[in-house]
Protein backbone atom coordinates (compact mmCIF):
# COMPACT_ATOMS: atom_id res chain seq x y z
CA MET A 1 17.11 -16.11 -47.59
CA THR A 2 20.54 -16.87 -46.22
CA SER A 3 21.10 -18.87 -43.05
CA GLN A 4 22.61 -15.79 -41.43
CA THR A 5 19.43 -13.81 -42.13
CA LYS A 6 17.31 -16.61 -40.68
CA LYS A 7 19.41 -16.65 -37.52
CA LEU A 8 19.11 -12.88 -37.20
CA ARG A 9 15.34 -13.01 -37.54
CA ALA A 10 15.12 -15.80 -35.01
CA ALA A 11 17.30 -13.85 -32.60
CA LEU A 12 15.01 -10.82 -32.94
CA ALA A 13 11.84 -12.88 -32.65
CA ILE A 14 12.74 -14.46 -29.31
CA PRO A 15 12.79 -11.24 -27.24
CA LEU A 16 9.70 -9.95 -29.04
CA LEU A 17 7.80 -13.12 -28.20
CA ALA A 18 9.01 -12.89 -24.61
CA LEU A 19 7.80 -9.29 -24.35
CA ALA A 20 4.45 -10.21 -25.87
CA GLY A 21 4.09 -13.08 -23.42
CA TYR A 22 4.96 -10.84 -20.48
CA TRP A 23 2.47 -8.20 -21.61
CA GLY A 24 -0.28 -10.77 -21.93
CA ALA A 25 0.49 -12.37 -18.56
CA THR A 26 0.42 -9.02 -16.76
CA HIS A 27 -2.63 -7.52 -18.49
CA TRP A 28 -4.98 -10.45 -19.09
CA ASN A 29 -6.94 -12.54 -16.63
CA SER A 30 -5.30 -15.97 -16.79
CA ASN A 31 -7.30 -17.30 -13.81
CA ARG A 32 -10.67 -18.15 -15.31
CA SER A 33 -12.07 -19.20 -11.95
CA ARG A 34 -12.29 -15.53 -10.95
CA SER A 35 -13.76 -12.41 -12.55
CA ILE A 36 -12.21 -8.95 -12.49
CA GLY A 37 -13.97 -6.86 -9.87
CA GLU A 38 -14.98 -9.90 -7.82
CA VAL A 39 -14.73 -9.46 -4.04
CA VAL A 40 -12.11 -11.90 -2.74
CA ASP A 41 -11.56 -10.65 0.82
CA SER A 42 -12.30 -7.77 3.18
CA LEU A 43 -10.97 -6.10 6.31
CA ASN A 44 -13.14 -4.04 8.65
CA GLY A 45 -15.83 -3.85 6.00
CA VAL A 46 -13.51 -2.65 3.22
CA PRO A 47 -13.49 -5.14 0.31
CA VAL A 48 -10.53 -6.42 -1.69
CA TYR A 49 -11.26 -6.87 -5.40
CA TYR A 50 -9.74 -9.31 -7.87
CA ASN A 51 -7.75 -7.61 -10.64
CA GLY A 52 -6.41 -10.39 -12.88
CA GLY A 53 -3.06 -9.46 -14.42
CA VAL A 54 -1.03 -7.15 -12.20
CA GLN A 55 -0.90 -4.39 -14.83
CA HIS A 56 -4.62 -4.50 -15.60
CA VAL A 57 -6.50 -1.23 -14.95
CA ASP A 58 -10.26 -0.74 -14.95
CA GLY A 59 -10.47 3.05 -14.82
CA ARG A 60 -9.95 5.49 -11.98
CA ASN A 61 -11.89 5.27 -8.72
CA LEU A 62 -12.95 8.60 -7.23
CA ALA A 63 -14.64 9.08 -3.87
CA PRO A 64 -17.99 10.93 -3.80
CA ASP A 65 -16.15 14.12 -2.79
CA GLY A 66 -13.75 13.80 -5.74
CA TYR A 67 -10.79 12.43 -3.78
CA ASN A 68 -8.60 10.25 -5.97
CA LEU A 69 -8.58 6.69 -4.63
CA GLY A 70 -6.49 5.31 -7.47
CA LEU A 71 -6.74 2.98 -10.44
CA ARG A 72 -9.06 0.00 -10.15
CA PHE A 73 -8.06 -2.54 -8.85
CA GLN A 74 -4.42 -1.83 -8.18
CA CYS A 75 -2.82 -2.22 -4.74
CA VAL A 76 -2.68 1.55 -4.23
CA GLU A 77 -6.43 1.84 -4.79
CA PHE A 78 -7.12 -0.59 -1.94
CA VAL A 79 -4.90 1.03 0.70
CA LYS A 80 -6.15 4.53 -0.09
CA ARG A 81 -9.75 3.35 -0.12
CA TYR A 82 -9.15 1.53 3.18
CA TYR A 83 -7.81 4.62 4.92
CA TYR A 84 -10.54 6.78 3.39
CA GLN A 85 -13.44 4.51 4.33
CA ARG A 86 -12.17 3.34 7.72
CA PHE A 87 -10.62 6.56 9.01
CA GLY A 88 -11.84 9.32 6.69
CA HIS A 89 -8.18 9.96 5.88
CA LYS A 90 -7.28 11.75 2.66
CA MET A 91 -3.63 11.88 1.69
CA PRO A 92 -2.34 15.41 0.98
CA TYR A 93 -0.73 14.09 -2.21
CA ASP A 94 -3.27 11.74 -3.74
CA LYS A 95 -1.17 10.44 -6.65
CA GLY A 96 1.93 8.30 -7.08
CA HIS A 97 2.91 4.66 -7.45
CA ALA A 98 3.31 2.29 -4.51
CA ARG A 99 7.07 2.90 -4.51
CA ASP A 100 6.40 6.61 -3.82
CA PHE A 101 4.67 5.96 -0.48
CA PHE A 102 7.93 5.51 1.44
CA LEU A 103 10.40 8.40 1.67
CA PRO A 104 13.84 6.93 2.52
CA ALA A 105 15.30 10.26 3.65
CA LEU A 106 12.77 10.70 6.47
CA PRO A 107 13.89 9.96 10.05
CA ASP A 108 12.24 6.94 11.64
CA GLY A 109 8.87 7.92 13.11
CA ALA A 110 8.67 11.25 11.27
CA LEU A 111 5.59 12.53 9.48
CA ASN A 112 5.43 11.66 5.80
CA PRO A 113 3.99 14.96 4.48
CA GLN A 114 2.81 13.49 1.18
CA ARG A 115 0.66 10.87 2.90
CA GLY A 116 -0.17 12.60 6.18
CA LEU A 117 1.03 9.50 8.04
CA LEU A 118 3.89 8.66 10.38
CA GLN A 119 6.61 6.61 8.69
CA PHE A 120 8.50 3.77 10.39
CA ARG A 121 11.42 1.77 9.03
CA ASN A 122 11.52 -2.01 8.91
CA GLY A 123 14.13 -2.87 11.54
CA GLY A 124 13.42 0.21 13.66
CA ALA A 125 12.14 0.76 17.18
CA SER A 126 8.41 0.70 16.36
CA ALA A 127 6.66 -2.63 15.77
CA PRO A 128 4.03 -2.80 13.03
CA GLN A 129 0.42 -2.55 14.16
CA ALA A 130 -2.90 -3.60 12.67
CA ASP A 131 -4.14 -1.00 10.15
CA ASP A 132 -0.60 0.15 9.28
CA LEU A 133 0.14 0.67 5.60
CA ALA A 134 3.04 -1.58 4.52
CA VAL A 135 5.29 -0.41 1.66
CA PHE A 136 7.37 -2.75 -0.51
CA SER A 137 10.15 -1.65 -2.86
CA PRO A 138 10.14 -2.38 -6.62
CA TRP A 139 11.82 -5.42 -8.12
CA ILE A 140 12.64 -6.77 -11.57
CA PHE A 141 9.08 -7.91 -12.34
CA ASN A 142 7.33 -4.98 -10.68
CA ARG A 143 8.98 -1.60 -11.07
CA TYR A 144 6.10 0.20 -9.32
CA GLY A 145 6.47 -1.38 -5.88
CA HIS A 146 3.62 -2.69 -3.76
CA VAL A 147 1.50 -1.58 -0.79
CA ALA A 148 -0.77 -3.49 1.59
CA ILE A 149 -2.53 -3.16 4.94
CA VAL A 150 -1.36 -4.90 8.11
CA SER A 151 -4.32 -7.09 9.10
CA ALA A 152 -2.85 -8.83 12.16
CA VAL A 153 0.30 -8.87 14.29
CA GLY A 154 1.37 -11.79 16.49
CA ALA A 155 4.35 -12.40 18.72
CA ASP A 156 6.37 -13.73 15.79
CA TYR A 157 4.48 -12.81 12.64
CA VAL A 158 2.86 -10.01 10.67
CA GLU A 159 -0.08 -10.64 8.36
CA ILE A 160 -0.99 -8.34 5.49
CA ILE A 161 -4.06 -8.06 3.30
CA GLN A 162 -3.42 -6.96 -0.27
CA GLN A 163 -5.09 -6.24 -3.57
CA ASN A 164 -3.60 -7.20 -6.94
CA PRO A 165 -1.09 -9.89 -5.89
CA GLY A 166 -1.46 -11.51 -9.32
CA PRO A 167 -4.08 -13.80 -10.85
CA PHE A 168 -3.14 -16.74 -8.61
CA GLY A 169 -1.80 -14.81 -5.61
CA SER A 170 -3.39 -14.78 -2.18
CA SER A 171 -4.99 -11.71 -0.63
CA ARG A 172 -3.32 -12.61 2.70
CA GLU A 173 0.34 -13.17 3.41
CA ARG A 174 2.19 -13.85 6.65
CA MET A 175 5.78 -12.80 7.26
CA PRO A 176 8.04 -13.58 10.22
CA LEU A 177 8.57 -10.88 12.84
CA GLN A 178 11.81 -10.79 14.82
CA THR A 179 12.56 -8.66 17.86
CA GLU A 180 16.12 -8.00 18.98
CA HIS A 181 17.43 -5.32 21.34
CA GLY A 182 14.17 -3.39 21.07
CA MET A 183 14.20 -3.37 17.27
CA PHE A 184 11.52 -4.97 15.09
CA LYS A 185 12.37 -6.65 11.79
CA VAL A 186 9.84 -8.19 9.43
CA GLY A 187 11.41 -10.94 7.34
CA HIS A 188 10.70 -9.75 3.83
CA PRO A 189 13.56 -8.47 1.65
CA ARG A 190 11.51 -5.73 0.00
CA LEU A 191 9.47 -4.44 2.96
CA GLN A 192 10.76 -0.92 3.51
CA GLY A 193 8.51 -0.04 6.41
CA TRP A 194 5.01 0.98 7.40
CA LEU A 195 2.92 4.13 7.67
CA ARG A 196 0.50 4.92 10.48
CA LEU A 197 -2.11 7.52 11.37
CA PRO A 198 -0.74 10.10 13.81
CA PRO A 199 -2.37 9.95 17.26
CA PRO A 200 -5.36 12.29 17.60
CA ALA A 201 -4.45 15.73 18.85
CA GLU A 202 -5.32 16.19 22.49
CA ASP A 203 -7.75 18.98 23.29
CA GLU A 204 -5.89 21.95 24.67
CA PRO A 205 -7.07 22.92 28.18
CA ALA A 206 -9.02 26.14 28.42
CA PRO A 207 -6.96 29.05 29.75
CA ALA A 208 -7.44 29.70 33.47
CA ALA A 209 -9.63 32.67 34.30
CA SER A 210 -7.89 35.69 35.77
CA PRO A 211 -9.01 36.96 39.23
CA SER A 212 -10.74 39.91 37.62
CA GLN A 213 -12.63 37.61 35.28
CA GLU A 214 -13.67 35.29 38.12
CA SER A 215 -15.17 38.22 40.05
CA GLN A 216 -17.22 39.48 37.11
CA THR A 217 -20.97 38.92 37.14
CA HIS A 218 -23.30 38.80 34.16
CA ASP A 219 -26.92 39.82 34.08
C-alpha cells in the first residue's frame, strides 16, 4: 500500500468517524444517571420526560381520542401534550417539526391556522406570558428547531420548561427580557416568537324581542 493510498484512507476515515460519533451522541443515552422515560420536571401537572440523545425516539404518542401528540420524548411531544392536557387544545395540523410551528410570513398577533394559536414575534408589541409556546429556529447541530413552554415571566426574564434539551441539559432555562418603546425582546438569538391560545369567544347577546313578541302570551 502506497503512502498516498494510506493518506487517502485516513482522510476518508476521519469524517466517517466524526459522523459515527455524532450519531452515537445524538441517539444514545450518554447520561447513565438518568433513564429514558424518567420524569424530570412538570408544569401544571404535565410531566417532562428524559429522552437521552436529542435524536432518540421511543415511538409515537397518541391521545386516547387518536390525536397525534408526537414522537416520544421529543420537544414537540411535550408542548402538544401540554396544550392537550391543560387546555384540551388540538392543533388543526398535528404534524411537523419544531421549526414548522412558526410561520414567518404571518403578521404579528395573527392566527397561526396550522396550530390554532395566535402568533407573536420576538421583539414585537406583545410580551410573552406563562403557558405560551416558544419556538426556536434550527441551527447547525439541530436542523429541526426547538419548542418549549413559557413557565414564568418576570420583569426582566422569561423562563421556559422544555423536553429533550440533551442528555445533560436542564429542563428549565431563563433568558433576559428587555422592554424598549413598548416592544418586548427576549435575549436568545434563535427565539423566533411565541404562540398563545386565542381569548375565549364572548357569548353573543340574545336578540331583543320585538314588540309583537313581547305582547304574545303562551298557554
